[in-house]
Amino acid sequence: MRFIPPSFRSGLLVLWLACPLWAVAGDVHYNQMDIKRDGRDKLVFTMSLNLTHLLHQVLAPQTPLVDFLKFHSELSDKALQTAIDKAGTQLGDKSFLQLPSGSKVPIRQWQFPTVQALRETLKAHLFLIDMPTTTPVHVPPMWVQAIGHSKSPWSRAQLQVHKALHPLWVIHQQDQFWLTEQIPLAIVNFE
């Protein structure tokens, strides 16, 4: 068993006692996205994500999860920020709205939690994996935001996101739907 500093163990114990259900819940947190229009040409995508799994799938899907968590939790702040920025770029390259005209509105400007918050979550996930339990282990979801801009106004578009976000529960006004590997895109009305 690896050495865990007492201060980190104490912090996890407090977190464990304060929120005992999130750590060993049998229910899986599915990624969620809320879409809000901000003016005629801007959309704000607010997401609640299983971020450690998402980053693993985007940055190093061939690497075992434990190795990924260990490696990234030990990176310097600058190196971890570079990895986060790389993940945001990759997510943005595969996440977009396609307008009826055929033009694409990329989902960019991914805003992740701070490096320190992400590092603590990576460490907590690694710690929880080592706990002797038969129940699946999950860390709490983290909030992420992204922006979509268009040069022209639109009233409907086809939404498609990076497959690492699947399954994704999408909410836009009264509309709610899933994006999955089997259903990778959906029409969203903005009227």
Protein backbone atom coordinates (compact mmCIF):
# COMPACT_ATOMS: atom_id res chain seq x y z
CA MET A 1 0.00 0.00 0.00
CA ARG A 2 1.35 3.44 -0.92
CA PHE A 3 2.09 6.15 1.65
CA ILE A 4 -0.60 8.81 1.90
CA PRO A 5 0.26 11.98 3.82
CA PRO A 6 -1.72 12.39 7.07
CA SER A 7 -3.19 15.75 6.00
CA PHE A 8 -4.59 14.22 2.79
CA ARG A 9 -5.98 11.23 4.71
CA SER A 10 -7.62 13.59 7.22
CA GLY A 11 -9.15 15.63 4.40
CA LEU A 12 -10.52 12.50 2.76
CA LEU A 13 -11.89 11.27 6.08
CA VAL A 14 -13.77 14.55 6.56
CA LEU A 15 -15.04 14.36 2.98
CA TRP A 16 -16.00 10.71 3.47
CA LEU A 17 -17.93 11.46 6.68
CA ALA A 18 -19.62 14.51 5.21
CA CYS A 19 -20.65 12.79 1.97
CA PRO A 20 -20.58 9.02 2.52
CA LEU A 21 -22.95 8.18 -0.33
CA TRP A 22 -21.03 9.71 -3.22
CA ALA A 23 -17.97 7.55 -2.68
CA VAL A 24 -19.60 4.15 -2.84
CA ALA A 25 -22.90 4.85 -4.50
CA GLY A 26 -24.16 2.09 -6.74
CA ASP A 27 -25.61 4.66 -9.13
CA VAL A 28 -23.31 5.99 -11.79
CA HIS A 29 -23.25 9.74 -12.40
CA TYR A 30 -24.10 10.37 -16.01
CA ASN A 31 -22.64 13.43 -17.61
CA GLN A 32 -25.13 16.27 -17.93
CA MET A 33 -25.23 19.41 -20.08
CA ASP A 34 -27.46 22.45 -19.76
CA ILE A 35 -27.60 24.77 -22.79
CA LYS A 36 -28.52 28.43 -22.34
CA ARG A 37 -28.64 31.09 -25.01
CA ASP A 38 -26.80 34.32 -24.19
CA GLY A 39 -27.80 36.87 -26.82
CA ARG A 40 -28.30 36.13 -30.52
CA ASP A 41 -24.94 34.57 -31.27
CA LYS A 42 -23.68 32.91 -28.06
CA LEU A 43 -24.52 29.69 -26.23
CA VAL A 44 -23.27 28.72 -22.79
CA PHE A 45 -22.88 24.99 -22.09
CA THR A 46 -22.80 24.22 -18.37
CA MET A 47 -21.86 20.62 -17.60
CA SER A 48 -21.72 18.34 -14.60
CA LEU A 49 -19.13 15.72 -15.55
CA ASN A 50 -17.45 12.63 -14.23
CA LEU A 51 -14.23 14.49 -14.97
CA THR A 52 -11.61 11.92 -13.97
CA HIS A 53 -13.14 9.33 -16.31
CA LEU A 54 -13.67 11.93 -19.03
CA LEU A 55 -10.04 13.11 -18.92
CA HIS A 56 -8.88 9.50 -18.93
CA GLN A 57 -10.93 8.78 -22.07
CA VAL A 58 -9.77 11.95 -23.84
CA LEU A 59 -6.08 12.00 -22.87
CA ALA A 60 -5.03 8.36 -22.47
CA PRO A 61 -7.79 5.81 -23.14
CA GLN A 62 -5.27 2.97 -23.63
CA THR A 63 -3.69 3.54 -20.21
CA PRO A 64 -5.21 1.70 -17.22
CA LEU A 65 -7.28 4.11 -15.10
CA VAL A 66 -5.12 3.62 -11.98
CA ASP A 67 -1.95 4.48 -13.92
CA PHE A 68 -3.62 7.52 -15.48
CA LEU A 69 -4.80 8.81 -12.09
CA LYS A 70 -1.40 8.27 -10.48
CA PHE A 71 0.55 9.91 -13.31
CA HIS A 72 -1.69 12.97 -13.65
CA SER A 73 -2.10 13.52 -9.90
CA GLU A 74 1.70 13.78 -9.60
CA LEU A 75 2.22 16.24 -12.48
CA SER A 76 3.44 19.75 -11.76
CA ASP A 77 0.79 22.48 -11.85
CA LYS A 78 2.07 23.64 -15.24
CA ALA A 79 2.08 20.13 -16.74
CA LEU A 80 -1.39 19.35 -15.37
CA GLN A 81 -2.71 22.64 -16.78
CA THR A 82 -1.19 21.72 -20.16
CA ALA A 83 -2.99 18.34 -20.02
CA ILE A 84 -6.28 20.07 -19.12
CA ASP A 85 -5.84 22.54 -21.99
CA LYS A 86 -5.12 19.65 -24.37
CA ALA A 87 -8.31 17.90 -23.22
CA GLY A 88 -10.32 21.10 -23.79
CA THR A 89 -8.93 21.39 -27.31
CA GLN A 90 -9.73 17.75 -28.11
CA LEU A 91 -13.25 18.05 -26.67
CA GLY A 92 -13.79 21.25 -28.67
CA ASP A 93 -12.57 19.67 -31.90
CA LYS A 94 -15.31 17.02 -31.70
CA SER A 95 -18.12 19.04 -30.06
CA PHE A 96 -20.16 21.44 -32.18
CA LEU A 97 -23.52 22.63 -33.43
CA GLN A 98 -24.18 22.23 -37.14
CA LEU A 99 -26.45 24.92 -38.51
CA PRO A 100 -28.98 24.35 -41.34
CA SER A 101 -26.60 26.26 -43.62
CA GLY A 102 -24.00 23.52 -43.05
CA SER A 103 -21.64 25.75 -41.09
CA LYS A 104 -20.41 24.53 -37.69
CA VAL A 105 -20.43 26.39 -34.39
CA PRO A 106 -17.60 24.84 -32.39
CA ILE A 107 -17.98 24.44 -28.64
CA ARG A 108 -14.81 26.10 -27.33
CA GLN A 109 -13.37 27.96 -24.35
CA TRP A 110 -13.66 24.98 -22.03
CA GLN A 111 -13.40 26.18 -18.44
CA PHE A 112 -12.38 23.39 -16.08
CA PRO A 113 -12.02 23.45 -12.28
CA THR A 114 -8.73 24.76 -10.92
CA VAL A 115 -5.60 22.64 -11.17
CA GLN A 116 -5.63 22.18 -7.39
CA ALA A 117 -9.27 21.01 -7.32
CA LEU A 118 -8.66 18.62 -10.18
CA ARG A 119 -5.49 17.25 -8.56
CA GLU A 120 -7.39 16.56 -5.31
CA THR A 121 -10.14 14.78 -7.25
CA LEU A 122 -7.59 12.64 -9.10
CA LYS A 123 -5.97 11.71 -5.76
CA ALA A 124 -9.33 11.01 -4.14
CA HIS A 125 -10.36 8.76 -7.04
CA LEU A 126 -7.06 6.88 -6.80
CA PHE A 127 -7.48 6.52 -3.03
CA LEU A 128 -11.06 5.26 -3.37
CA ILE A 129 -10.08 2.67 -5.99
CA ASP A 130 -7.74 1.12 -3.40
CA MET A 131 -10.51 0.82 -0.79
CA PRO A 132 -11.71 -2.72 -0.14
CA THR A 133 -15.26 -2.67 -1.44
CA THR A 134 -17.31 -4.61 -3.96
CA THR A 135 -19.49 -1.59 -4.72
CA PRO A 136 -18.42 0.58 -7.68
CA VAL A 137 -16.56 3.68 -6.54
CA HIS A 138 -17.39 7.14 -7.88
CA VAL A 139 -16.11 10.61 -7.20
CA PRO A 140 -18.50 13.56 -7.25
CA PRO A 141 -19.14 15.26 -10.59
CA MET A 142 -17.33 18.50 -11.37
CA TRP A 143 -18.62 21.60 -13.12
CA VAL A 144 -17.26 22.57 -16.51
CA GLN A 145 -18.39 25.33 -18.84
CA ALA A 146 -17.88 25.93 -22.56
CA ILE A 147 -19.03 28.52 -25.09
CA GLY A 148 -20.34 28.39 -28.65
CA HIS A 149 -20.33 31.49 -30.89
CA SER A 150 -21.86 31.96 -34.33
CA LYS A 151 -21.34 34.80 -36.78
CA SER A 152 -25.02 34.68 -37.64
CA PRO A 153 -28.17 34.05 -35.60
CA TRP A 154 -29.93 30.68 -35.79
CA SER A 155 -33.11 29.08 -34.54
CA ARG A 156 -32.19 25.39 -34.67
CA ALA A 157 -29.05 23.31 -34.95
CA GLN A 158 -27.80 19.76 -34.75
CA LEU A 159 -25.75 19.08 -31.60
CA GLN A 160 -22.88 16.62 -31.58
CA VAL A 161 -20.31 16.13 -28.79
CA HIS A 162 -17.05 14.25 -28.26
CA LYS A 163 -17.79 10.56 -27.66
CA ALA A 164 -16.00 10.67 -24.28
CA LEU A 165 -18.96 12.71 -22.99
CA HIS A 166 -21.38 9.85 -23.76
CA PRO A 167 -23.80 9.08 -22.30
CA LEU A 168 -24.77 12.73 -21.95
CA TRP A 169 -28.10 13.99 -20.60
CA VAL A 170 -28.83 17.30 -22.36
CA ILE A 171 -31.26 19.92 -21.07
CA HIS A 172 -32.31 22.94 -23.09
CA GLN A 173 -35.38 24.85 -21.88
CA GLN A 174 -38.19 22.23 -21.92
CA ASP A 175 -36.21 19.81 -24.12
CA GLN A 176 -34.36 16.90 -22.51
CA PHE A 177 -32.61 14.09 -24.36
CA TRP A 178 -29.70 11.67 -24.33
CA LEU A 179 -26.66 11.70 -26.57
CA THR A 180 -25.04 8.24 -26.69
CA GLU A 181 -22.88 6.18 -29.02
CA GLN A 182 -26.09 4.89 -30.60
CA ILE A 183 -27.67 8.38 -30.73
CA PRO A 184 -24.66 10.68 -31.29
CA LEU A 185 -26.57 13.78 -32.42
CA ALA A 186 -29.84 15.61 -31.86
CA ILE A 187 -31.69 18.64 -33.19
CA VAL A 188 -31.98 21.52 -30.71
CA ASN A 189 -34.49 24.34 -31.19
CA PHE A 190 -33.48 27.79 -29.95
CA GLU A 191 -36.73 29.70 -30.60
